[in-house]
C-alpha atoms as a PDB file:
ATOM      1  CA  UNK A   1     107.207  56.668 253.754  1.00  0.00           C
ATOM      2  CA  UNK A   2     104.992  55.756 256.728  1.00  0.00           C
ATOM      3  CA  UNK A   3     105.916  53.513 259.627  1.00  0.00           C
ATOM      4  CA  UNK A   4     105.054  49.817 259.430  1.00  0.00           C
ATOM      5  CA  UNK A   5     101.719  48.947 260.988  1.00  0.00           C
ATOM      6  CA  UNK A   6     102.237  46.868 264.135  1.00  0.00           C
ATOM      7  CA  UNK A   7      99.460  48.482 266.192  1.00  0.00           C
ATOM      8  CA  UNK A   8      97.664  45.226 266.909  1.00  0.00           C
ATOM      9  CA  UNK A   9     100.742  43.093 267.527  1.00  0.00           C
ATOM     10  CA  UNK A  10     100.747  43.719 271.284  1.00  0.00           C
ATOM     11  CA  UNK A  11      97.061  44.115 272.095  1.00  0.00           C
ATOM     12  CA  UNK A  12      94.148  46.401 271.274  1.00  0.00           C
ATOM     13  CA  UNK A  13      95.284  50.069 271.193  1.00  0.00           C
ATOM     14  CA  UNK A  14      91.645  51.084 271.917  1.00  0.00           C
ATOM     15  CA  UNK A  15      88.466  49.184 272.685  1.00  0.00           C
ATOM     16  CA  UNK A  16      87.171  50.277 269.277  1.00  0.00           C
ATOM     17  CA  UNK A  17      89.128  51.331 266.196  1.00  0.00           C
ATOM     18  CA  UNK A  18      89.935  55.059 266.289  1.00  0.00           C
ATOM     19  CA  UNK A  19      91.618  57.170 263.599  1.00  0.00           C
ATOM     20  CA  UNK A  20      94.055  58.756 266.038  1.00  0.00           C
ATOM     21  CA  UNK A  21      97.701  59.846 265.836  1.00  0.00           C
ATOM     22  CA  UNK A  22      98.969  56.253 266.082  1.00  0.00           C
ATOM     23  CA  UNK A  23      96.795  55.126 263.155  1.00  0.00           C
ATOM     24  CA  UNK A  24      97.689  58.216 261.111  1.00  0.00           C
ATOM     25  CA  UNK A  25     101.408  57.469 261.546  1.00  0.00           C
ATOM     26  CA  UNK A  26     101.061  54.013 259.963  1.00  0.00           C
ATOM     27  CA  UNK A  27      97.977  54.522 257.787  1.00  0.00           C
ATOM     28  CA  UNK A  28      99.560  54.278 254.299  1.00  0.00           C
ATOM     29  CA  UNK A  29     101.222  50.990 255.281  1.00  0.00           C
ATOM     30  CA  UNK A  30      98.047  49.779 257.012  1.00  0.00           C
ATOM     31  CA  UNK A  31      95.644  50.536 254.168  1.00  0.00           C
ATOM     32  CA  UNK A  32      97.838  49.094 251.423  1.00  0.00           C
ATOM     33  CA  UNK A  33      98.358  45.875 253.413  1.00  0.00           C
ATOM     34  CA  UNK A  34      94.696  45.675 254.425  1.00  0.00           C
ATOM     35  CA  UNK A  35      92.726  46.515 251.266  1.00  0.00           C
ATOM     36  CA  UNK A  36      93.505  44.420 248.178  1.00  0.00           C
ATOM     37  CA  UNK A  37      93.702  46.652 245.119  1.00  0.00           C
ATOM     38  CA  UNK A  38      93.867  49.898 247.099  1.00  0.00           C
ATOM     39  CA  UNK A  39      96.657  51.375 244.966  1.00  0.00           C
ATOM     40  CA  UNK A  40      94.695  50.587 241.796  1.00  0.00           C
ATOM     41  CA  UNK A  41      91.568  52.280 243.184  1.00  0.00           C
ATOM     42  CA  UNK A  42      93.550  55.416 244.091  1.00  0.00           C
ATOM     43  CA  UNK A  43      95.196  55.556 240.659  1.00  0.00           C
ATOM     44  CA  UNK A  44      91.888  55.102 238.842  1.00  0.00           C
ATOM     45  CA  UNK A  45      90.242  57.835 240.924  1.00  0.00           C
ATOM     46  CA  UNK A  46      92.748  60.140 239.268  1.00  0.00           C
ATOM     47  CA  UNK A  47      91.990  58.704 235.826  1.00  0.00           C
ATOM     48  CA  UNK A  48      88.227  59.102 236.337  1.00  0.00           C
ATOM     49  CA  UNK A  49      88.663  62.659 237.630  1.00  0.00           C
ATOM     50  CA  UNK A  50      90.520  63.581 234.437  1.00  0.00           C
ATOM     51  CA  UNK A  51      87.404  62.547 232.513  1.00  0.00           C
ATOM     52  CA  UNK A  52      84.627  63.774 234.812  1.00  0.00           C
ATOM     53  CA  UNK A  53      85.926  66.910 236.570  1.00  0.00           C
ATOM     54  CA  UNK A  54      84.124  69.876 235.026  1.00  0.00           C
ATOM     55  CA  UNK A  55      85.429  73.446 234.642  1.00  0.00           C
ATOM     56  CA  UNK A  56      84.739  75.799 237.565  1.00  0.00           C
ATOM     57  CA  UNK A  57      83.478  72.946 239.760  1.00  0.00           C
ATOM     58  CA  UNK A  58      84.443  71.359 243.075  1.00  0.00           C
ATOM     59  CA  UNK A  59      85.723  67.811 243.601  1.00  0.00           C
ATOM     60  CA  UNK A  60      85.035  66.428 247.071  1.00  0.00           C
ATOM     61  CA  UNK A  61      87.063  63.812 248.959  1.00  0.00           C
ATOM     62  CA  UNK A  62      84.772  62.879 251.854  1.00  0.00           C
ATOM     63  CA  UNK A  63      86.645  60.925 254.500  1.00  0.00           C
ATOM     64  CA  UNK A  64      89.956  61.944 252.975  1.00  0.00           C
ATOM     65  CA  UNK A  65      92.266  60.447 255.655  1.00  0.00           C
ATOM     66  CA  UNK A  66      95.800  61.449 254.569  1.00  0.00           C
ATOM     67  CA  UNK A  67      94.625  62.683 251.177  1.00  0.00           C
ATOM     68  CA  UNK A  68      95.578  59.873 248.785  1.00  0.00           C
ATOM     69  CA  UNK A  69      92.449  60.327 246.635  1.00  0.00           C
ATOM     70  CA  UNK A  70      92.775  64.129 246.732  1.00  0.00           C
ATOM     71  CA  UNK A  71      96.380  63.933 245.548  1.00  0.00           C
ATOM     72  CA  UNK A  72      95.423  61.526 242.767  1.00  0.00           C
ATOM     73  CA  UNK A  73      92.724  63.926 241.567  1.00  0.00           C
ATOM     74  CA  UNK A  74      95.044  66.908 241.987  1.00  0.00           C
ATOM     75  CA  UNK A  75      97.596  65.424 239.592  1.00  0.00           C
ATOM     76  CA  UNK A  76      95.065  64.377 236.955  1.00  0.00           C
ATOM     77  CA  UNK A  77      92.379  67.058 236.725  1.00  0.00           C
ATOM     78  CA  UNK A  78      92.847  69.238 233.643  1.00  0.00           C
ATOM     79  CA  UNK A  79      89.547  71.164 233.710  1.00  0.00           C
ATOM     80  CA  UNK A  80      90.064  74.860 234.425  1.00  0.00           C
ATOM     81  CA  UNK A  81      89.210  76.618 237.697  1.00  0.00           C
ATOM     82  CA  UNK A  82      88.575  73.419 239.656  1.00  0.00           C
ATOM     83  CA  UNK A  83      89.197  73.050 243.373  1.00  0.00           C
ATOM     84  CA  UNK A  84      89.239  70.093 245.763  1.00  0.00           C
ATOM     85  CA  UNK A  85      87.558  69.981 249.172  1.00  0.00           C
ATOM     86  CA  UNK A  86      89.037  67.261 251.407  1.00  0.00           C
ATOM     87  CA  UNK A  87      87.142  66.454 254.608  1.00  0.00           C
ATOM     88  CA  UNK A  88      87.838  64.207 257.582  1.00  0.00           C
ATOM     89  CA  UNK A  89      86.678  64.246 261.208  1.00  0.00           C
ATOM     90  CA  UNK A  90      90.053  63.016 262.528  1.00  0.00           C
ATOM     91  CA  UNK A  91      92.329  65.901 263.516  1.00  0.00           C
ATOM     92  CA  UNK A  92      95.375  63.635 263.123  1.00  0.00           C
ATOM     93  CA  UNK A  93      94.382  62.654 259.598  1.00  0.00           C
ATOM     94  CA  UNK A  94      93.587  66.254 258.621  1.00  0.00           C
ATOM     95  CA  UNK A  95      96.972  67.438 259.862  1.00  0.00           C
ATOM     96  CA  UNK A  96      98.691  64.663 257.880  1.00  0.00           C
ATOM     97  CA  UNK A  97      96.646  65.527 254.795  1.00  0.00           C
ATOM     98  CA  UNK A  98      97.573  69.197 255.051  1.00  0.00           C
ATOM     99  CA  UNK A  99     101.243  68.306 255.312  1.00  0.00           C
ATOM    100  CA  UNK A 100     100.961  66.027 252.267  1.00  0.00           C
ATOM    101  CA  UNK A 101      99.349  68.833 250.255  1.00  0.00           C
ATOM    102  CA  UNK A 102     102.090  71.256 251.318  1.00  0.00           C
ATOM    103  CA  UNK A 103     104.788  68.806 250.162  1.00  0.00           C
ATOM    104  CA  UNK A 104     102.998  68.082 246.878  1.00  0.00           C
ATOM    105  CA  UNK A 105     104.130  69.639 243.600  1.00  0.00           C
ATOM    106  CA  UNK A 106     100.703  70.080 241.955  1.00  0.00           C
ATOM    107  CA  UNK A 107      98.986  73.474 242.099  1.00  0.00           C
ATOM    108  CA  UNK A 108      95.246  72.702 242.102  1.00  0.00           C
ATOM    109  CA  UNK A 109      93.760  74.330 245.246  1.00  0.00           C
ATOM    110  CA  UNK A 110      92.838  71.916 248.053  1.00  0.00           C
ATOM    111  CA  UNK A 111      90.723  73.033 251.015  1.00  0.00           C
ATOM    112  CA  UNK A 112      91.339  70.539 253.835  1.00  0.00           C
ATOM    113  CA  UNK A 113      88.626  70.629 256.503  1.00  0.00           C
ATOM    114  CA  UNK A 114      88.322  68.935 259.881  1.00  0.00           C
ATOM    115  CA  UNK A 115      84.604  68.285 260.193  1.00  0.00           C
ATOM    116  CA  UNK A 116      81.969  65.569 260.097  1.00  0.00           C
ATOM    117  CA  UNK A 117      81.030  64.785 256.492  1.00  0.00           C
ATOM    118  CA  UNK A 118      77.392  64.746 257.623  1.00  0.00           C
ATOM    119  CA  UNK A 119      77.799  68.500 258.165  1.00  0.00           C
ATOM    120  CA  UNK A 120      79.682  69.215 254.911  1.00  0.00           C
ATOM    121  CA  UNK A 121      77.679  71.131 252.283  1.00  0.00           C
ATOM    122  CA  UNK A 122      78.066  69.579 248.816  1.00  0.00           C
ATOM    123  CA  UNK A 123      77.557  72.142 246.081  1.00  0.00           C
ATOM    124  CA  UNK A 124      78.636  72.606 242.451  1.00  0.00           C
ATOM    125  CA  UNK A 125      80.284  69.182 242.537  1.00  0.00           C
ATOM    126  CA  UNK A 126      81.515  67.332 239.468  1.00  0.00           C
ATOM    127  CA  UNK A 127      83.268  64.588 241.504  1.00  0.00           C
ATOM    128  CA  UNK A 128      82.532  63.174 244.953  1.00  0.00           C
ATOM    129  CA  UNK A 129      84.817  60.466 246.309  1.00  0.00           C
ATOM    130  CA  UNK A 130      83.939  58.351 249.324  1.00  0.00           C
ATOM    131  CA  UNK A 131      86.802  55.901 249.494  1.00  0.00           C
ATOM    132  CA  UNK A 132      86.022  53.390 252.265  1.00  0.00           C
ATOM    133  CA  UNK A 133      84.135  56.094 254.184  1.00  0.00           C
ATOM    134  CA  UNK A 134      80.408  55.288 254.108  1.00  0.00           C
ATOM    135  CA  UNK A 135      81.068  52.056 256.033  1.00  0.00           C
ATOM    136  CA  UNK A 136      81.997  54.188 259.062  1.00  0.00           C
ATOM    137  CA  UNK A 137      78.805  56.301 258.860  1.00  0.00           C
ATOM    138  CA  UNK A 138      75.889  55.125 261.007  1.00  0.00           C
ATOM    139  CA  UNK A 139      73.538  53.114 258.742  1.00  0.00           C
ATOM    140  CA  UNK A 140      70.542  55.294 259.605  1.00  0.00           C
ATOM    141  CA  UNK A 141      72.388  58.379 258.274  1.00  0.00           C
ATOM    142  CA  UNK A 142      73.524  56.878 254.973  1.00  0.00           C
ATOM    143  CA  UNK A 143      70.384  57.467 252.890  1.00  0.00           C
ATOM    144  CA  UNK A 144      70.259  61.182 253.696  1.00  0.00           C
ATOM    145  CA  UNK A 145      73.995  61.590 253.011  1.00  0.00           C
ATOM    146  CA  UNK A 146      73.782  59.947 249.573  1.00  0.00           C
ATOM    147  CA  UNK A 147      70.678  61.974 248.709  1.00  0.00           C
ATOM    148  CA  UNK A 148      72.490  65.192 249.670  1.00  0.00           C
ATOM    149  CA  UNK A 149      75.491  64.228 247.541  1.00  0.00           C
ATOM    150  CA  UNK A 150      73.212  63.549 244.577  1.00  0.00           C
ATOM    151  CA  UNK A 151      71.565  66.955 244.954  1.00  0.00           C
ATOM    152  CA  UNK A 152      74.976  68.662 245.138  1.00  0.00           C
ATOM    153  CA  UNK A 153      76.332  66.991 242.005  1.00  0.00           C
ATOM    154  CA  UNK A 154      76.202  68.782 238.677  1.00  0.00           C
ATOM    155  CA  UNK A 155      74.525  66.964 235.767  1.00  0.00           C
ATOM    156  CA  UNK A 156      77.096  64.485 234.484  1.00  0.00           C
ATOM    157  CA  UNK A 157      78.865  64.492 237.851  1.00  0.00           C
ATOM    158  CA  UNK A 158      80.303  61.286 239.304  1.00  0.00           C
ATOM    159  CA  UNK A 159      80.269  59.656 242.733  1.00  0.00           C
ATOM    160  CA  UNK A 160      82.943  57.050 243.481  1.00  0.00           C
ATOM    161  CA  UNK A 161      81.892  54.824 246.385  1.00  0.00           C
ATOM    162  CA  UNK A 162      84.434  52.263 247.629  1.00  0.00           C
ATOM    163  CA  UNK A 163      83.374  49.920 250.423  1.00  0.00           C
ATOM    164  CA  UNK A 164      84.026  46.699 252.261  1.00  0.00           C
ATOM    165  CA  UNK A 165      81.056  44.525 251.324  1.00  0.00           C
ATOM    166  CA  UNK A 166      78.972  41.599 252.504  1.00  0.00           C
ATOM    167  CA  UNK A 167      77.608  38.796 250.332  1.00  0.00           C
ATOM    168  CA  UNK A 168      74.019  37.594 250.558  1.00  0.00           C
ATOM    169  CA  UNK A 169      75.154  33.983 250.124  1.00  0.00           C
ATOM    170  CA  UNK A 170      76.628  32.972 253.512  1.00  0.00           C
ATOM    171  CA  UNK A 171      78.982  30.357 252.034  1.00  0.00           C
ATOM    172  CA  UNK A 172      80.371  32.890 249.560  1.00  0.00           C
ATOM    173  CA  UNK A 173      80.655  35.488 252.317  1.00  0.00           C
ATOM    174  CA  UNK A 174      82.661  33.062 254.474  1.00  0.00           C
ATOM    175  CA  UNK A 175      84.873  32.126 251.517  1.00  0.00           C
ATOM    176  CA  UNK A 176      85.806  35.710 250.688  1.00  0.00           C
ATOM    177  CA  UNK A 177      86.460  36.567 254.341  1.00  0.00           C
ATOM    178  CA  UNK A 178      88.823  33.585 254.493  1.00  0.00           C
ATOM    179  CA  UNK A 179      90.526  34.670 251.255  1.00  0.00           C
ATOM    180  CA  UNK A 180      90.862  38.189 252.646  1.00  0.00           C
ATOM    181  CA  UNK A 181      92.463  36.932 255.833  1.00  0.00           C
ATOM    182  CA  UNK A 182      94.932  34.901 253.758  1.00  0.00           C
ATOM    183  CA  UNK A 183      95.734  38.060 251.807  1.00  0.00           C
ATOM    184  CA  UNK A 184      96.488  39.882 255.053  1.00  0.00           C
ATOM    185  CA  UNK A 185      98.723  37.045 256.250  1.00  0.00           C
ATOM    186  CA  UNK A 186     100.607  37.289 252.954  1.00  0.00           C
ATOM    187  CA  UNK A 187     101.129  40.986 253.749  1.00  0.00           C
ATOM    188  CA  UNK A 188     102.844  40.035 257.018  1.00  0.00           C
ATOM    189  CA  UNK A 189     100.017  40.298 259.531  1.00  0.00           C
ATOM    190  CA  UNK A 190      99.742  37.496 262.090  1.00  0.00           C
ATOM    191  CA  UNK A 191      96.486  35.668 262.767  1.00  0.00           C
ATOM    192  CA  UNK A 192      96.396  37.383 266.174  1.00  0.00           C
ATOM    193  CA  UNK A 193      96.791  40.845 264.650  1.00  0.00           C
ATOM    194  CA  UNK A 194      94.012  40.086 262.141  1.00  0.00           C
ATOM    195  CA  UNK A 195      91.713  38.862 264.913  1.00  0.00           C
ATOM    196  CA  UNK A 196      92.402  41.840 267.187  1.00  0.00           C
ATOM    197  CA  UNK A 197      91.824  44.399 264.442  1.00  0.00           C
ATOM    198  CA  UNK A 198      88.632  42.665 263.345  1.00  0.00           C
ATOM    199  CA  UNK A 199      87.347  42.861 266.942  1.00  0.00           C
ATOM    200  CA  UNK A 200      88.245  46.565 267.167  1.00  0.00           C
ATOM    201  CA  UNK A 201      86.433  47.337 263.911  1.00  0.00           C
ATOM    202  CA  UNK A 202      83.370  45.212 264.600  1.00  0.00           C
ATOM    203  CA  UNK A 203      81.092  47.961 265.964  1.00  0.00           C
ATOM    204  CA  UNK A 204      82.715  50.792 263.988  1.00  0.00           C
ATOM    205  CA  UNK A 205      82.853  49.495 260.405  1.00  0.00           C
ATOM    206  CA  UNK A 206      79.434  48.228 259.303  1.00  0.00           C
ATOM    207  CA  UNK A 207      79.512  46.797 255.758  1.00  0.00           C
ATOM    208  CA  UNK A 208      76.557  46.159 253.467  1.00  0.00           C
ATOM    209  CA  UNK A 209      75.848  44.164 250.329  1.00  0.00           C
ATOM    210  CA  UNK A 210      76.355  45.633 246.869  1.00  0.00           C
ATOM    211  CA  UNK A 211      72.596  45.309 246.376  1.00  0.00           C
ATOM    212  CA  UNK A 212      72.011  47.518 249.436  1.00  0.00           C
ATOM    213  CA  UNK A 213      74.407  50.157 248.077  1.00  0.00           C
ATOM    214  CA  UNK A 214      72.768  50.070 244.646  1.00  0.00           C
ATOM    215  CA  UNK A 215      69.311  50.375 246.187  1.00  0.00           C
ATOM    216  CA  UNK A 216      70.452  53.434 248.153  1.00  0.00           C
ATOM    217  CA  UNK A 217      72.006  55.023 245.057  1.00  0.00           C
ATOM    218  CA  UNK A 218      68.787  54.491 243.120  1.00  0.00           C
ATOM    219  CA  UNK A 219      66.739  55.927 245.983  1.00  0.00           C
ATOM    220  CA  UNK A 220      69.014  58.992 246.024  1.00  0.00           C
ATOM    221  CA  UNK A 221      68.234  59.595 242.338  1.00  0.00           C
ATOM    222  CA  UNK A 222      71.082  57.942 240.444  1.00  0.00           C
ATOM    223  CA  UNK A 223      70.022  56.054 237.327  1.00  0.00           C
ATOM    224  CA  UNK A 224      73.504  55.055 236.122  1.00  0.00           C
ATOM    225  CA  UNK A 225      75.748  53.059 238.473  1.00  0.00           C
ATOM    226  CA  UNK A 226      77.782  49.859 238.519  1.00  0.00           C
ATOM    227  CA  UNK A 227      80.705  48.103 240.171  1.00  0.00           C
ATOM    228  CA  UNK A 228      83.953  48.943 238.366  1.00  0.00           C
ATOM    229  CA  UNK A 229      86.378  47.214 240.771  1.00  0.00           C
ATOM    230  CA  UNK A 230      86.120  44.264 243.116  1.00  0.00           C
ATOM    231  CA  UNK A 231      88.589  42.019 244.928  1.00  0.00           C
ATOM    232  CA  UNK A 232      87.258  39.569 247.513  1.00  0.00           C
ATOM    233  CA  UNK A 233      85.022  41.569 249.905  1.00  0.00           C
ATOM    234  CA  UNK A 234      86.103  45.021 248.710  1.00  0.00           C
ATOM    235  CA  UNK A 235      84.407  46.861 245.867  1.00  0.00           C
ATOM    236  CA  UNK A 236      84.180  50.279 244.256  1.00  0.00           C
ATOM    237  CA  UNK A 237      81.071  51.613 242.526  1.00  0.00           C
ATOM    238  CA  UNK A 238      80.729  54.527 240.122  1.00  0.00           C
ATOM    239  CA  UNK A 239      77.450  56.427 239.918  1.00  0.00           C
ATOM    240  CA  UNK A 240      76.788  59.228 237.425  1.00  0.00           C
ATOM    241  CA  UNK A 241      74.071  61.879 237.713  1.00  0.00           C
ATOM    242  CA  UNK A 242      72.081  62.084 234.501  1.00  0.00           C
ATOM    243  CA  UNK A 243      72.275  65.185 232.348  1.00  0.00           C
END
């Protein structure tokens, strides 16, 4: 069990949000109290991997943090000779992910790498998971990344893209931000903590509309995609490469 997240109770730990040792120590508590439906998304990643992981292929977890999506896939994939590649550019997160894999009872091989996902080759992939990762990639690099993922997917392969989202209607956008902040207060965060974390994330996490994500997926080559989960301003999209 991770420590309780109180990082923003006494000020800003850093000028901008950084996935360092302090964040890694509280991350499971932080993410579950900060993203409505996170546990459901993680569980369903495992369910989808059981259906879409292909024999002798690789399943990628890009921006793996402590490996929650990798572990979910690891316990659900039944296709033979599969392997998982888990990638994160935070050394603290990678170390935590490696420890979680070592403690885990499943046997599917997991290669945990500390590198920038923009430098990660994607090949022979039947599953690619980006669970709240693309939002931290510079917007000008997102098209090329999604295009490279599409090229690396096998026919019938699936991309799962979970993101914090914006709404084109400003009134609706304001409403869902307010609902989200109420959710966080219900999880025990103070208004000051919510405000401080929002300020720290402002120039680091850059969300987009669902329409922008769908346009990028279509540009990359995907013909089949849709939102499968949404709660307030958080959504997850599945995209499947045609046979």
